Amino acid sequence: MKHLKLGLVLGAIALWVAACGGAPSGGASQPAASAGEISIGSLNDLTGATSDVGKDYALGVQEAVKYYNENGGINGKTIKLSLYDYGYLVPGAITTYKRFRDTDKVVSVLGWGTNDTVALAPTVSQDKMPYVSASYAGELTDPSKTPFNFFASPDYSTAARAAITVWYNEVWLKDPRFASRRSAGDKPRFVCFYGKATPYASAPIKAIKEQATLLGFEIGPDQDVPLTALDTKSQVLAAKDFKPDLVWHGDTVNGVATALKDEKALGLGADNIVNTYGFDENLPRLVGDAAEGVIGIAPTAFYGENVKGMDLIVAAAKKYDPNTPQESRTIHTVKAWANVTILKNALEVADKAGKLNGDGIRAAFESFKDLDVGFGAAPMTWTPTDHRPTSLVNIYQIKGGKFVKLQTIDMKAKFPNDWPKWLGY
């Protein structure tokens, strides 16, 4: 039944995306793109386990492409976007990727999840297909293994290390709540809540535990929290036995919201740090006061923040999707714009060089130094030996229901001896 549902959704999405600069392919009869078009594919989750964050990201992809097409495209060429929902199912992702490659003849793909992006990485490398994913998994950053994978964000592992470091420095070492514990020489106590079977959720666990050890934490037992969890009382009670000071949440926003509500109800009493797809404008909407004080990672500014380029994003959302309430939009739209924009820049460079192919687009990415796309994102640099685009991580905290930036931490500058060793996981 899931595969039947996926097939029906693919057809619906094909119609939905037709306005994005060209109708997406539906079979072998699809004509090849003209000389005035550049075809790209977009793989999205609109119905699966990560659709709680995937829908708004997909809107951002479409709005960014429409905006760029109306403002010169790629050196005057129109972006022809084929966007499909794969329901967060790896087989659907593989099938859709083959459609992109063999039928749509795309020059690049905008991908989504960690499970599918990692599964496709060997094929992407063999095909020399530049692949700009919404997955920021650290294992996609070593070009000796994944030479055609890119994204516009600090990788999950760098970001997780940053989040626990900021909490340690700004909370554990300074907050009066922990004064007596510090005086007694106690170690801060740390546990992880995440879906163990989900590659996105588990991607930074090794890194954050290494960082916890480096900083002197005592680490408790992991708690398995599925992405779609509706009840986490047993996990919270198990963690409560360990008496943690800090919990890492690795799920998307719905799973994180469930855990935060149960933590408050059961009096866990721990602080919380959250990965980027669990930390968005919907979190305080879903859990109210239970979100107060939660710290999380934001690779861009939040939707509507006063930063360079945000006016374009908001105007495009109002123009192209007027029936979607502004108050429902999230940072995931902004992250989509960042990914589309780095790809646009690379396509422009490759096209001007007459090398609009995999090697040419990769070389374009690797030519960028401190590329500034705006939107609150850090300047980005890719090299032939390191596809981590930045070592700068934005850390925010929810205060009074609002997102307040705590700091931007430079993990390369803070840990210069460790930074080279952290590549690729």
Protein backbone atom coordinates (compact mmCIF):
# COMPACT_ATOMS: atom_id res chain seq x y z
CA MET A 1 0.00 0.00 0.00
CA LYS A 2 2.87 2.39 0.71
CA HIS A 3 4.23 1.92 -2.81
CA LEU A 4 0.77 2.49 -4.30
CA LYS A 5 0.43 5.66 -2.24
CA LEU A 6 3.85 6.84 -3.38
CA GLY A 7 2.88 6.32 -7.02
CA LEU A 8 -0.30 8.35 -6.59
CA VAL A 9 1.59 11.12 -4.81
CA LEU A 10 4.25 11.25 -7.52
CA GLY A 11 1.57 11.91 -10.08
CA ALA A 12 0.02 14.65 -7.98
CA ILE A 13 3.33 16.31 -7.34
CA ALA A 14 4.18 16.21 -11.03
CA LEU A 15 1.12 18.38 -11.66
CA TRP A 16 1.89 20.60 -8.66
CA VAL A 17 5.40 21.43 -9.83
CA ALA A 18 4.52 22.16 -13.45
CA ALA A 19 4.55 25.88 -12.66
CA CYS A 20 8.12 25.81 -11.35
CA GLY A 21 9.81 26.43 -14.67
CA GLY A 22 8.79 23.37 -16.67
CA ALA A 23 6.69 20.24 -16.30
CA PRO A 24 8.43 17.35 -14.54
CA SER A 25 8.99 14.16 -16.46
CA GLY A 26 6.52 11.33 -16.28
CA GLY A 27 7.98 8.81 -18.72
CA ALA A 28 10.17 8.11 -21.72
CA SER A 29 8.15 10.43 -23.93
CA GLN A 30 9.34 13.49 -22.02
CA PRO A 31 11.25 15.73 -24.45
CA ALA A 32 14.83 16.68 -23.68
CA ALA A 33 15.44 20.13 -22.23
CA SER A 34 16.07 22.84 -24.78
CA ALA A 35 19.31 24.77 -25.06
CA GLY A 36 17.67 27.56 -23.06
CA GLU A 37 16.92 25.33 -20.07
CA ILE A 38 18.93 23.75 -17.30
CA SER A 39 17.22 20.76 -15.71
CA ILE A 40 17.55 19.96 -12.02
CA GLY A 41 15.68 17.44 -9.87
CA SER A 42 14.35 17.87 -6.37
CA LEU A 43 13.69 14.94 -4.06
CA ASN A 44 11.37 15.83 -1.17
CA ASP A 45 9.40 14.33 1.71
CA LEU A 46 5.83 15.61 1.70
CA THR A 47 4.09 12.54 3.11
CA GLY A 48 6.64 10.54 5.10
CA ALA A 49 8.19 10.52 8.55
CA THR A 50 9.99 13.84 8.06
CA SER A 51 7.18 15.67 6.27
CA ASP A 52 6.72 17.76 9.43
CA VAL A 53 9.76 19.69 8.24
CA GLY A 54 9.90 18.56 4.61
CA LYS A 55 6.80 20.35 3.37
CA ASP A 56 8.06 23.82 4.19
CA TYR A 57 11.47 23.01 2.74
CA ALA A 58 9.82 21.93 -0.53
CA LEU A 59 7.92 25.21 -0.70
CA GLY A 60 11.20 27.04 -0.29
CA VAL A 61 12.79 25.10 -3.16
CA GLN A 62 9.93 25.94 -5.50
CA GLU A 63 9.75 29.60 -4.48
CA ALA A 64 13.51 30.08 -4.86
CA VAL A 65 13.53 28.51 -8.33
CA LYS A 66 10.55 30.63 -9.45
CA TYR A 67 12.22 33.77 -8.14
CA TYR A 68 15.53 33.04 -9.85
CA ASN A 69 13.79 32.16 -13.12
CA GLU A 70 11.97 35.49 -13.04
CA ASN A 71 15.25 37.29 -12.37
CA GLY A 72 17.57 36.01 -15.07
CA GLY A 73 17.73 32.29 -14.36
CA ILE A 74 21.20 30.82 -14.90
CA ASN A 75 22.94 33.28 -17.19
CA GLY A 76 19.63 33.78 -18.97
CA LYS A 77 18.73 30.09 -19.06
CA THR A 78 15.59 28.84 -17.34
CA ILE A 79 15.83 26.36 -14.48
CA LYS A 80 13.57 23.41 -15.30
CA LEU A 81 12.64 21.88 -11.95
CA SER A 82 11.31 18.36 -11.51
CA LEU A 83 10.14 17.91 -7.91
CA TYR A 84 8.86 14.62 -6.52
CA ASP A 85 7.73 13.32 -3.15
CA TYR A 86 9.38 10.03 -2.20
CA GLY A 87 7.72 9.64 1.21
CA TYR A 88 11.07 9.23 3.01
CA LEU A 89 11.40 5.73 1.51
CA VAL A 90 14.83 4.80 0.18
CA PRO A 91 13.47 2.63 -2.68
CA GLY A 92 11.37 5.59 -3.83
CA ALA A 93 14.43 7.83 -3.69
CA ILE A 94 16.47 5.43 -5.81
CA THR A 95 13.69 5.13 -8.39
CA THR A 96 13.23 8.89 -8.56
CA TYR A 97 16.97 9.50 -8.85
CA LYS A 98 17.10 7.17 -11.85
CA ARG A 99 14.21 9.12 -13.38
CA PHE A 100 16.13 12.35 -12.87
CA ARG A 101 19.28 10.91 -14.43
CA ASP A 102 17.87 8.87 -17.29
CA THR A 103 14.65 10.63 -18.30
CA ASP A 104 14.86 14.21 -17.10
CA LYS A 105 18.58 14.43 -17.93
CA VAL A 106 19.20 16.72 -14.95
CA VAL A 107 22.59 18.28 -14.37
CA SER A 108 22.17 18.28 -10.57
CA VAL A 109 19.85 17.08 -7.81
CA LEU A 110 18.49 18.82 -4.73
CA GLY A 111 18.20 15.93 -2.28
CA TRP A 112 16.52 15.52 1.10
CA GLY A 113 17.15 12.91 3.81
CA THR A 114 20.23 11.31 5.27
CA ASN A 115 19.01 7.75 4.70
CA ASP A 116 18.50 8.25 0.95
CA THR A 117 21.40 10.66 0.39
CA VAL A 118 23.87 8.25 1.97
CA ALA A 119 22.33 5.29 0.10
CA LEU A 120 22.65 7.16 -3.20
CA ALA A 121 26.14 8.56 -2.57
CA PRO A 122 28.08 5.76 -4.34
CA THR A 123 25.83 6.05 -7.41
CA VAL A 124 26.04 9.85 -7.32
CA SER A 125 29.84 9.59 -7.29
CA GLN A 126 29.89 7.11 -10.14
CA ASP A 127 27.50 9.27 -12.18
CA LYS A 128 29.35 12.48 -11.28
CA MET A 129 26.02 14.01 -10.32
CA PRO A 130 26.34 17.13 -8.14
CA TYR A 131 23.97 16.46 -5.24
CA VAL A 132 22.97 19.30 -2.92
CA SER A 133 21.15 17.73 0.01
CA ALA A 134 19.07 18.88 2.94
CA SER A 135 20.97 16.20 4.82
CA TYR A 136 24.01 17.72 6.48
CA ALA A 137 25.52 14.40 7.56
CA GLY A 138 29.22 14.57 8.32
CA GLU A 139 29.95 11.45 6.27
CA LEU A 140 29.02 13.42 3.14
CA THR A 141 31.82 15.96 3.66
CA ASP A 142 34.90 13.94 2.73
CA PRO A 143 35.38 14.34 -1.04
CA SER A 144 37.74 11.37 -1.15
CA LYS A 145 34.59 9.31 -0.52
CA THR A 146 31.68 11.53 -1.61
CA PRO A 147 33.13 13.99 -4.14
CA PHE A 148 29.82 15.25 -5.54
CA ASN A 149 27.89 15.91 -2.30
CA PHE A 150 27.34 19.47 -1.08
CA PHE A 151 25.09 21.44 1.27
CA ALA A 152 24.75 24.95 2.72
CA SER A 153 25.15 24.33 6.44
CA PRO A 154 27.62 23.20 9.06
CA ASP A 155 27.48 19.42 9.09
CA TYR A 156 25.45 17.67 11.78
CA SER A 157 28.52 16.50 13.67
CA THR A 158 30.18 19.92 13.80
CA ALA A 159 26.86 21.48 14.83
CA ALA A 160 26.23 18.92 17.57
CA ARG A 161 29.73 19.41 18.94
CA ALA A 162 29.07 23.15 18.93
CA ALA A 163 25.76 22.88 20.76
CA ILE A 164 27.13 20.83 23.65
CA THR A 165 30.22 23.06 23.83
CA VAL A 166 28.14 26.22 24.07
CA TRP A 167 25.93 24.68 26.77
CA TYR A 168 28.99 23.61 28.73
CA ASN A 169 30.69 27.01 28.48
CA GLU A 170 27.64 29.26 28.88
CA VAL A 171 25.43 27.20 31.19
CA TRP A 172 27.35 24.58 33.12
CA LEU A 173 30.31 26.87 33.87
CA LYS A 174 28.23 30.00 34.57
CA ASP A 175 24.68 29.18 35.68
CA PRO A 176 24.09 29.50 39.46
CA ARG A 177 21.92 26.35 39.30
CA PHE A 178 25.09 24.30 38.98
CA ALA A 179 27.33 26.27 41.39
CA SER A 180 27.28 23.68 44.16
CA ARG A 181 27.83 20.84 41.69
CA ARG A 182 30.79 22.65 40.18
CA SER A 183 32.24 23.33 43.62
CA ALA A 184 31.90 19.65 44.50
CA GLY A 185 33.79 18.68 41.35
CA ASP A 186 30.81 16.91 39.81
CA LYS A 187 30.69 16.14 36.11
CA PRO A 188 27.69 17.29 34.05
CA ARG A 189 25.46 14.37 33.12
CA PHE A 190 24.35 13.87 29.50
CA VAL A 191 21.98 11.60 27.57
CA CYS A 192 20.82 11.38 23.94
CA PHE A 193 17.21 11.05 22.73
CA TYR A 194 16.97 10.02 19.06
CA GLY A 195 15.61 7.43 16.67
CA LYS A 196 18.36 4.84 16.64
CA ALA A 197 17.20 3.29 13.36
CA THR A 198 17.05 6.66 11.56
CA PRO A 199 20.30 7.73 9.86
CA TYR A 200 19.47 11.44 10.24
CA ALA A 201 18.91 11.11 13.97
CA SER A 202 21.93 8.90 14.61
CA ALA A 203 24.35 10.75 12.29
CA PRO A 204 26.03 13.00 14.92
CA ILE A 205 25.84 10.69 17.94
CA LYS A 206 29.44 9.50 17.74
CA ALA A 207 30.65 13.08 17.39
CA ILE A 208 28.59 14.56 20.22
CA LYS A 209 29.62 11.77 22.60
CA GLU A 210 33.26 12.35 21.71
CA GLN A 211 32.76 16.04 22.47
CA ALA A 212 30.99 15.22 25.72
CA THR A 213 33.97 13.08 26.74
CA LEU A 214 36.38 15.83 25.71
CA LEU A 215 34.52 18.32 27.90
CA GLY A 216 34.32 15.95 30.86
CA PHE A 217 30.67 14.86 30.84
CA GLU A 218 29.36 11.65 32.32
CA ILE A 219 27.33 9.97 29.55
CA GLY A 220 24.19 7.99 30.30
CA PRO A 221 22.28 5.42 28.25
CA ASP A 222 20.76 6.47 24.91
CA GLN A 223 16.97 6.61 24.69
CA ASP A 224 15.41 5.39 21.45
CA VAL A 225 12.78 7.93 20.36
CA PRO A 226 11.26 7.30 16.90
CA LEU A 227 10.72 10.30 14.62
CA THR A 228 6.96 9.90 14.87
CA ALA A 229 6.80 9.11 18.60
CA LEU A 230 3.52 10.07 20.28
CA ASP A 231 4.51 8.90 23.77
CA THR A 232 8.00 8.98 25.28
CA LYS A 233 7.16 8.51 28.95
CA SER A 234 9.12 5.27 29.24
CA GLN A 235 12.20 6.88 27.70
CA VAL A 236 11.94 9.92 29.96
CA LEU A 237 11.54 7.76 33.06
CA ALA A 238 14.56 5.68 32.05
CA ALA A 239 16.59 8.85 31.60
CA LYS A 240 15.33 10.18 34.92
CA ASP A 241 17.05 7.31 36.71
CA PHE A 242 20.35 8.70 35.40
CA LYS A 243 19.49 12.27 36.54
CA PRO A 244 20.79 14.08 33.43
CA ASP A 245 21.65 17.75 33.37
CA LEU A 246 21.44 17.86 29.58
CA VAL A 247 19.54 15.99 26.85
CA TRP A 248 20.41 15.97 23.13
CA HIS A 249 17.42 15.62 20.82
CA GLY A 250 18.16 14.25 17.37
CA ASP A 251 14.68 13.83 15.86
CA THR A 252 12.58 16.13 13.70
CA VAL A 253 10.23 18.58 15.37
CA ASN A 254 7.26 16.32 16.09
CA GLY A 255 9.36 13.71 17.92
CA VAL A 256 11.23 16.41 19.83
CA ALA A 257 7.94 18.05 20.84
CA THR A 258 6.63 14.79 22.23
CA ALA A 259 9.76 14.28 24.32
CA LEU A 260 9.79 17.84 25.65
CA LYS A 261 6.15 17.61 26.77
CA ASP A 262 6.81 14.32 28.55
CA GLU A 263 9.98 15.67 30.15
CA LYS A 264 8.02 18.53 31.65
CA ALA A 265 5.12 16.35 32.74
CA LEU A 266 7.40 13.84 34.45
CA GLY A 267 9.77 16.42 35.95
CA LEU A 268 12.98 15.35 34.26
CA GLY A 269 14.52 18.72 35.06
CA ALA A 270 17.22 18.62 32.39
CA ASP A 271 18.25 21.27 29.89
CA ASN A 272 17.79 20.45 26.21
CA ILE A 273 19.81 20.93 23.04
CA VAL A 274 18.29 20.11 19.66
CA ASN A 275 19.49 19.35 16.13
CA THR A 276 18.37 21.69 13.36
CA TYR A 277 15.38 19.74 12.01
CA GLY A 278 13.91 19.49 15.50
CA PHE A 279 14.41 23.19 16.23
CA ASP A 280 12.01 25.41 14.34
CA GLU A 281 9.14 27.85 14.77
CA ASN A 282 6.69 25.00 15.27
CA LEU A 283 8.40 23.76 18.42
CA PRO A 284 7.13 26.49 20.79
CA ARG A 285 3.77 26.34 18.99
CA LEU A 286 3.52 22.64 19.75
CA VAL A 287 4.76 22.57 23.35
CA GLY A 288 4.35 26.09 24.74
CA ASP A 289 6.25 26.61 28.00
CA ALA A 290 8.01 23.26 27.63
CA ALA A 291 10.14 24.88 24.92
CA GLU A 292 11.33 27.67 27.19
CA GLY A 293 15.13 27.69 27.46
CA VAL A 294 15.66 25.03 24.81
CA ILE A 295 18.88 25.53 22.85
CA GLY A 296 19.28 24.51 19.23
CA ILE A 297 21.13 24.79 15.96
CA ALA A 298 20.15 27.11 13.10
CA PRO A 299 22.27 27.05 9.91
CA THR A 300 20.36 30.11 8.64
CA ALA A 301 18.26 32.79 10.23
CA PHE A 302 14.69 31.96 11.15
CA TYR A 303 11.92 32.89 8.75
CA GLY A 304 11.33 36.65 8.76
CA GLU A 305 14.43 37.61 10.74
CA ASN A 306 16.03 40.89 9.73
CA VAL A 307 19.01 39.59 7.75
CA LYS A 308 20.34 40.04 4.23
CA GLY A 309 18.07 38.46 1.63
CA MET A 310 15.17 37.64 3.94
CA ASP A 311 13.01 40.23 2.20
CA LEU A 312 13.31 38.20 -1.01
CA ILE A 313 12.24 35.00 0.74
CA VAL A 314 9.22 36.58 2.41
CA ALA A 315 8.14 38.40 -0.76
CA ALA A 316 8.44 35.22 -2.81
CA ALA A 317 6.39 33.24 -0.27
CA LYS A 318 3.62 35.83 -0.38
CA LYS A 319 3.69 36.00 -4.17
CA TYR A 320 3.94 32.34 -5.10
CA ASP A 321 2.11 30.72 -2.18
CA PRO A 322 -0.37 33.35 -0.96
CA ASN A 323 -2.68 30.73 0.54
CA THR A 324 0.03 29.45 2.91
CA PRO A 325 -0.19 31.56 6.09
CA GLN A 326 2.96 33.52 6.84
CA GLU A 327 2.78 32.48 10.48
CA SER A 328 3.11 28.83 9.45
CA ARG A 329 6.39 29.34 7.58
CA THR A 330 9.63 28.14 9.16
CA ILE A 331 13.39 28.19 8.97
CA HIS A 332 13.22 25.19 6.64
CA THR A 333 12.09 27.47 3.82
CA VAL A 334 15.18 29.58 4.48
CA LYS A 335 17.42 26.49 4.44
CA ALA A 336 15.93 25.53 1.08
CA TRP A 337 16.78 28.94 -0.34
CA ALA A 338 20.35 28.58 0.90
CA ASN A 339 20.75 25.22 -0.88
CA VAL A 340 19.13 26.44 -4.09
CA THR A 341 21.32 29.54 -4.00
CA ILE A 342 24.63 27.70 -3.65
CA LEU A 343 23.59 25.48 -6.54
CA LYS A 344 22.58 28.51 -8.62
CA ASN A 345 26.00 30.05 -8.03
CA ALA A 346 27.78 26.85 -9.04
CA LEU A 347 25.63 26.41 -12.15
CA GLU A 348 26.37 29.99 -13.23
CA VAL A 349 30.13 29.50 -12.89
CA ALA A 350 30.09 26.15 -14.68
CA ASP A 351 27.84 27.46 -17.45
CA LYS A 352 30.05 30.50 -18.07
CA ALA A 353 33.04 28.18 -18.30
CA GLY A 354 31.23 25.97 -20.82
CA LYS A 355 31.43 23.05 -18.39
CA LEU A 356 27.84 22.46 -17.34
CA ASN A 357 28.49 18.88 -16.29
CA GLY A 358 29.35 16.99 -13.13
CA ASP A 359 33.05 17.77 -13.11
CA GLY A 360 32.44 21.39 -14.07
CA ILE A 361 29.82 21.97 -11.38
CA ARG A 362 31.98 20.28 -8.76
CA ALA A 363 34.92 22.47 -9.77
CA ALA A 364 32.68 25.52 -9.48
CA PHE A 365 31.73 24.60 -5.91
CA GLU A 366 35.36 23.99 -5.02
CA SER A 367 36.32 27.40 -6.42
CA PHE A 368 34.18 29.27 -3.89
CA LYS A 369 35.86 30.90 -0.94
CA ASP A 370 33.65 32.55 1.67
CA LEU A 371 30.63 32.49 -0.62
CA ASP A 372 28.01 34.76 0.98
CA VAL A 373 24.45 33.75 0.07
CA GLY A 374 22.85 35.85 2.80
CA PHE A 375 19.83 34.55 4.75
CA GLY A 376 21.85 34.45 7.97
CA ALA A 377 24.01 31.62 6.66
CA ALA A 378 27.74 31.59 7.29
CA PRO A 379 30.11 32.28 4.38
CA MET A 380 30.88 28.97 2.68
CA THR A 381 34.04 27.43 1.27
CA TRP A 382 34.51 24.02 -0.35
CA THR A 383 37.89 22.62 -1.36
CA PRO A 384 38.94 19.49 -3.26
CA THR A 385 39.85 17.91 0.09
CA ASP A 386 37.11 19.19 2.41
CA HIS A 387 33.41 19.68 1.69
CA ARG A 388 32.54 21.01 5.13
CA PRO A 389 31.26 24.42 3.98
CA THR A 390 31.80 26.19 7.28
CA SER A 391 33.02 25.75 10.83
CA LEU A 392 30.71 28.50 12.10
CA VAL A 393 27.62 27.31 13.96
CA ASN A 394 24.70 29.54 15.00
CA ILE A 395 23.32 28.60 18.41
CA TYR A 396 19.91 29.96 19.42
CA GLN A 397 17.77 29.69 22.54
CA ILE A 398 13.99 29.93 22.93
CA LYS A 399 13.14 32.75 25.33
CA GLY A 400 9.57 33.90 25.80
CA GLY A 401 8.56 31.85 22.79
CA LYS A 402 11.08 33.70 20.57
CA PHE A 403 14.36 32.55 19.06
CA VAL A 404 17.31 34.50 20.45
CA LYS A 405 20.82 33.96 19.15
CA LEU A 406 23.21 32.97 21.93
CA GLN A 407 26.35 33.01 19.83
CA THR A 408 28.06 31.92 16.66
CA ILE A 409 30.89 29.58 17.57
CA ASP A 410 33.80 28.80 15.26
CA MET A 411 34.64 25.16 15.92
CA LYS A 412 37.75 25.17 13.73
CA ALA A 413 39.19 28.15 15.60
CA LYS A 414 38.23 26.74 19.00
CA PHE A 415 39.55 23.23 18.33
CA PRO A 416 42.25 23.69 15.68
CA ASN A 417 44.05 20.44 16.43
CA ASP A 418 40.87 18.36 16.30
CA TRP A 419 39.26 20.01 13.27
CA PRO A 420 41.20 18.03 10.62
CA LYS A 421 40.42 14.74 12.40
CA TRP A 422 36.68 15.47 12.40
CA LEU A 423 36.33 15.36 8.61
CA GLY A 424 33.92 12.75 7.29
CA TYR A 425 31.81 11.64 10.26
